[in-house]
Amino acid sequence: MKRIAGLIIERSAHMGVEVPDAVAMALADVLQRMAAEPQNLSAVRDDDEAVWIHVVDSLSGLLVPAVATAGNIVDLGSGGGFPGLALAAMLPDVRVTLVESERRKADWLRRAAGAFPNVRVVSERSETLAREEREAHALVTARAVGPLPVVLELAAPLVQRGGSVVAWRGRPGADDAVIAREAGRQLGLAPTPDVHVTPIPGVSRYLSVWNKVADTPDRYPRRPGMAAKRPIA
């Protein structure tokens, strides 16, 4: 585990993120638990590759000021726990909510989050949580959740005015950007310039950052599944 922790520290430092030894060990433990889990949490089985794809990619979010300074965070579709657990480990004073509707994955997240007292796991759809905690959070993150308009609809009702949404993306095409901008307009979100990071050598990542500038209309979120079935715009 020390070797994996060393890789986390070294590779994150190349990206400009300094990871304390204790945090690196905690995240290395999460990776080992994930690899040993019977249910298929990730197609990545190699330790070295998991450091890049799960941990370092997640920690690239700390290069976005809205993430590094967030008062609280909701991570949508947390799955195996990234980026939520990685951000929680690096931001111990920030309350992080992991949202995962699949019960088996949510149970895994509760076990994996045992070392992180600032983590809460919610086993329900984000649309349901948005009705219970509407516009109550400073930041929503989403990694590998779906097309950007879908992410924005799921995230916007959870974010308070003045808060932000950050989505991990590949470089969007011009048409995608136009569609996402229109979806954001309807949801009370305004885009800011993408943050370009290279957490993995040779792989560009664009963190799409949206600020909450107006209240989200009451009709959002629509009923569960509609955001993906009939995306805004």
Protein backbone atom coordinates (compact mmCIF):
# COMPACT_ATOMS: atom_id res chain seq x y z
CA MET A 1 0.00 0.00 0.00
CA LYS A 2 2.92 2.34 0.64
CA ARG A 3 3.96 2.02 -2.99
CA ILE A 4 0.51 3.04 -4.18
CA ALA A 5 0.48 5.96 -1.73
CA GLY A 6 3.86 7.05 -3.07
CA LEU A 7 2.51 7.02 -6.62
CA ILE A 8 -0.45 9.16 -5.55
CA ILE A 9 1.86 11.73 -3.99
CA GLU A 10 4.30 11.79 -6.90
CA ARG A 11 1.75 11.94 -9.70
CA SER A 12 -0.43 14.52 -7.99
CA ALA A 13 2.61 16.73 -7.39
CA HIS A 14 3.36 16.75 -11.13
CA MET A 15 -0.14 18.17 -11.61
CA GLY A 16 0.41 20.82 -8.94
CA VAL A 17 -1.52 19.18 -6.10
CA GLU A 18 0.33 18.33 -2.87
CA VAL A 19 -1.10 15.26 -1.13
CA PRO A 20 -0.16 14.63 2.53
CA ASP A 21 1.18 11.19 3.42
CA ALA A 22 -1.84 10.27 5.56
CA VAL A 23 -4.27 11.24 2.79
CA ALA A 24 -2.31 9.24 0.22
CA MET A 25 -2.41 6.17 2.48
CA ALA A 26 -6.16 6.55 3.00
CA LEU A 27 -6.79 6.79 -0.75
CA ALA A 28 -4.48 3.87 -1.44
CA ASP A 29 -6.59 1.85 1.00
CA VAL A 30 -9.75 2.81 -0.93
CA LEU A 31 -8.16 1.59 -4.18
CA GLN A 32 -7.22 -1.73 -2.60
CA ARG A 33 -10.72 -2.17 -1.18
CA MET A 34 -12.17 -1.39 -4.59
CA ALA A 35 -9.94 -3.97 -6.29
CA ALA A 36 -10.97 -6.64 -3.76
CA GLU A 37 -14.71 -5.88 -3.97
CA PRO A 38 -16.71 -8.71 -5.60
CA GLN A 39 -19.10 -6.37 -7.40
CA ASN A 40 -17.73 -4.69 -10.50
CA LEU A 41 -17.06 -1.13 -9.34
CA SER A 42 -14.48 -0.40 -12.02
CA ALA A 43 -13.06 -2.00 -15.13
CA VAL A 44 -9.61 -0.84 -13.99
CA ARG A 45 -7.75 -3.62 -12.21
CA ASP A 46 -4.12 -2.49 -12.43
CA ASP A 47 -2.96 -0.51 -9.37
CA ASP A 48 -0.83 1.93 -11.34
CA GLU A 49 -3.65 2.65 -13.77
CA ALA A 50 -6.15 3.06 -10.92
CA VAL A 51 -3.96 5.76 -9.37
CA TRP A 52 -4.11 7.76 -12.61
CA ILE A 53 -7.73 7.18 -13.54
CA HIS A 54 -9.42 7.29 -10.14
CA VAL A 55 -7.29 9.33 -7.76
CA VAL A 56 -5.18 11.77 -9.76
CA ASP A 57 -7.99 12.57 -12.19
CA SER A 58 -10.30 13.24 -9.23
CA LEU A 59 -7.77 15.46 -7.48
CA SER A 60 -7.46 17.59 -10.62
CA GLY A 61 -10.69 19.17 -9.42
CA LEU A 62 -8.72 20.96 -6.70
CA LEU A 63 -7.23 23.13 -9.44
CA VAL A 64 -10.66 24.76 -9.75
CA PRO A 65 -11.03 27.51 -7.09
CA ALA A 66 -14.73 26.71 -6.61
CA VAL A 67 -13.78 23.17 -5.53
CA ALA A 68 -10.86 24.09 -3.30
CA THR A 69 -12.94 26.67 -1.41
CA ALA A 70 -16.35 24.96 -1.32
CA GLY A 71 -18.27 25.01 1.94
CA ASN A 72 -19.91 21.69 1.15
CA ILE A 73 -19.97 19.33 -1.83
CA VAL A 74 -22.48 16.96 -3.40
CA ASP A 75 -20.98 14.36 -5.73
CA LEU A 76 -23.48 12.92 -8.21
CA GLY A 77 -23.36 9.29 -9.32
CA SER A 78 -20.45 8.51 -7.02
CA GLY A 79 -20.21 4.82 -7.99
CA GLY A 80 -16.85 3.62 -6.67
CA GLY A 81 -16.33 6.87 -4.79
CA PHE A 82 -14.48 9.17 -7.16
CA PRO A 83 -14.10 12.11 -7.20
CA GLY A 84 -16.07 12.41 -3.95
CA LEU A 85 -13.85 10.38 -1.62
CA ALA A 86 -10.67 11.91 -3.02
CA LEU A 87 -11.99 15.42 -2.46
CA ALA A 88 -13.24 14.52 1.02
CA ALA A 89 -9.82 13.19 1.94
CA MET A 90 -8.11 16.39 0.83
CA LEU A 91 -10.76 18.71 2.32
CA PRO A 92 -11.43 17.25 5.79
CA ASP A 93 -13.35 20.34 6.98
CA VAL A 94 -15.79 20.16 4.05
CA ARG A 95 -18.95 18.07 4.28
CA VAL A 96 -19.13 15.79 1.21
CA THR A 97 -22.32 14.00 0.20
CA LEU A 98 -21.97 11.02 -2.13
CA VAL A 99 -25.15 10.37 -4.11
CA GLU A 100 -25.52 6.85 -5.50
CA SER A 101 -28.93 5.40 -6.31
CA GLU A 102 -27.75 1.81 -6.83
CA ARG A 103 -28.03 0.27 -3.38
CA ARG A 104 -25.13 -2.18 -3.62
CA LYS A 105 -22.77 0.61 -4.66
CA ALA A 106 -24.13 2.85 -1.92
CA ASP A 107 -23.43 0.10 0.62
CA TRP A 108 -19.87 -0.14 -0.70
CA LEU A 109 -19.47 3.62 -0.39
CA ARG A 110 -20.53 3.51 3.25
CA ARG A 111 -17.88 0.89 3.96
CA ALA A 112 -15.20 2.74 1.99
CA ALA A 113 -16.07 6.06 3.64
CA GLY A 114 -15.49 4.74 7.15
CA ALA A 115 -12.15 6.55 7.39
CA PHE A 116 -13.67 9.88 6.31
CA PRO A 117 -15.91 11.40 9.02
CA ASN A 118 -16.88 14.28 6.72
CA VAL A 119 -18.60 11.96 4.21
CA ARG A 120 -22.31 11.22 4.00
CA VAL A 121 -23.73 8.61 1.58
CA VAL A 122 -27.23 9.13 0.16
CA SER A 123 -28.77 6.08 -1.50
CA GLU A 124 -31.35 7.74 -3.71
CA ARG A 125 -31.63 9.54 -7.02
CA SER A 126 -30.40 13.10 -7.22
CA GLU A 127 -33.87 14.23 -8.33
CA THR A 128 -35.25 13.00 -4.98
CA LEU A 129 -32.47 14.64 -2.99
CA ALA A 130 -33.09 17.91 -4.84
CA ARG A 131 -36.66 17.97 -3.56
CA GLU A 132 -35.46 17.40 0.01
CA GLU A 133 -32.43 19.73 -0.06
CA ARG A 134 -33.28 22.21 -2.76
CA GLU A 135 -30.60 24.83 -3.49
CA ALA A 136 -28.85 23.98 -0.21
CA HIS A 137 -25.32 23.19 -1.39
CA ALA A 138 -22.28 25.22 -2.40
CA LEU A 139 -20.92 22.84 -5.03
CA VAL A 140 -22.02 19.85 -7.08
CA THR A 141 -19.44 17.65 -8.84
CA ALA A 142 -20.06 15.05 -11.53
CA ARG A 143 -17.59 12.71 -13.21
CA ALA A 144 -18.64 10.22 -15.89
CA VAL A 145 -22.33 10.83 -15.16
CA GLY A 146 -23.66 11.68 -18.63
CA PRO A 147 -23.97 14.40 -21.28
CA LEU A 148 -23.45 17.90 -19.95
CA PRO A 149 -27.10 19.08 -20.30
CA VAL A 150 -28.15 16.05 -18.25
CA VAL A 151 -25.54 16.78 -15.58
CA LEU A 152 -26.63 20.42 -15.39
CA GLU A 153 -30.31 19.52 -14.90
CA LEU A 154 -29.49 17.05 -12.13
CA ALA A 155 -27.07 19.43 -10.43
CA ALA A 156 -28.69 22.86 -10.70
CA PRO A 157 -31.62 22.27 -8.29
CA LEU A 158 -29.14 21.24 -5.57
CA VAL A 159 -26.90 24.31 -5.87
CA GLN A 160 -27.50 27.51 -3.95
CA ARG A 161 -27.30 30.86 -5.71
CA GLY A 162 -23.63 31.84 -5.81
CA GLY A 163 -22.57 28.18 -5.81
CA SER A 164 -21.09 26.17 -8.68
CA VAL A 165 -21.31 22.98 -10.70
CA VAL A 166 -18.09 21.29 -11.88
CA ALA A 167 -18.23 18.47 -14.44
CA TRP A 168 -15.26 16.40 -15.60
CA ARG A 169 -15.35 16.35 -19.42
CA GLY A 170 -13.39 15.59 -22.55
CA ARG A 171 -13.14 18.56 -24.88
CA PRO A 172 -16.71 19.40 -25.99
CA GLY A 173 -17.56 20.20 -29.58
CA ALA A 174 -18.96 23.59 -30.53
CA ASP A 175 -22.50 22.21 -30.94
CA ASP A 176 -22.35 20.55 -27.50
CA ALA A 177 -21.26 23.82 -25.94
CA VAL A 178 -24.20 25.69 -27.49
CA ILE A 179 -26.69 23.09 -26.26
CA ALA A 180 -25.20 23.08 -22.76
CA ARG A 181 -25.24 26.88 -22.63
CA GLU A 182 -28.96 26.94 -23.45
CA ALA A 183 -29.66 24.26 -20.83
CA GLY A 184 -27.68 26.26 -18.28
CA ARG A 185 -29.64 29.42 -19.11
CA GLN A 186 -32.93 27.65 -18.39
CA LEU A 187 -31.56 26.26 -15.11
CA GLY A 188 -30.05 29.46 -13.70
CA LEU A 189 -26.45 28.50 -14.51
CA ALA A 190 -23.85 30.58 -16.34
CA PRO A 191 -20.71 29.02 -17.85
CA THR A 192 -17.20 30.16 -16.98
CA PRO A 193 -14.08 29.26 -18.99
CA ASP A 194 -13.24 25.57 -18.84
CA VAL A 195 -10.26 24.63 -16.70
CA HIS A 196 -7.83 22.57 -18.78
CA VAL A 197 -5.88 19.97 -16.81
CA THR A 198 -3.65 17.03 -17.76
CA PRO A 199 -3.94 14.57 -14.87
CA ILE A 200 -2.83 11.65 -17.05
CA PRO A 201 0.13 12.03 -19.43
CA GLY A 202 -1.15 12.66 -22.94
CA VAL A 203 -4.78 12.94 -21.83
CA SER A 204 -6.47 16.33 -21.75
CA ARG A 205 -9.31 16.90 -19.33
CA TYR A 206 -11.63 19.89 -19.32
CA LEU A 207 -13.38 20.77 -16.10
CA SER A 208 -16.62 22.48 -17.07
CA VAL A 209 -17.48 25.11 -14.44
CA TRP A 210 -20.91 26.72 -14.10
CA ASN A 211 -21.94 29.40 -11.61
CA LYS A 212 -25.43 29.56 -10.13
CA VAL A 213 -26.65 33.05 -11.02
CA ALA A 214 -30.42 32.63 -10.61
CA ASP A 215 -32.86 30.33 -8.85
CA THR A 216 -33.67 27.15 -10.75
CA PRO A 217 -37.34 27.11 -11.89
CA ASP A 218 -39.59 24.94 -9.74
CA ARG A 219 -40.30 22.58 -12.63
CA TYR A 220 -36.75 21.24 -12.31
CA PRO A 221 -35.74 18.61 -11.60
CA ARG A 222 -38.23 16.69 -13.67
CA ARG A 223 -39.26 13.23 -12.55
CA PRO A 224 -36.46 10.63 -12.30
CA GLY A 225 -35.01 9.61 -15.65
CA MET A 226 -36.41 12.47 -17.70
CA ALA A 227 -33.18 14.47 -17.76
CA ALA A 228 -31.48 11.64 -19.65
CA LYS A 229 -34.50 10.62 -21.72
CA ARG A 230 -35.36 14.14 -22.92
CA PRO A 231 -32.42 16.48 -22.26
CA ILE A 232 -33.07 20.22 -22.06
CA ALA A 233 -32.33 22.04 -25.34
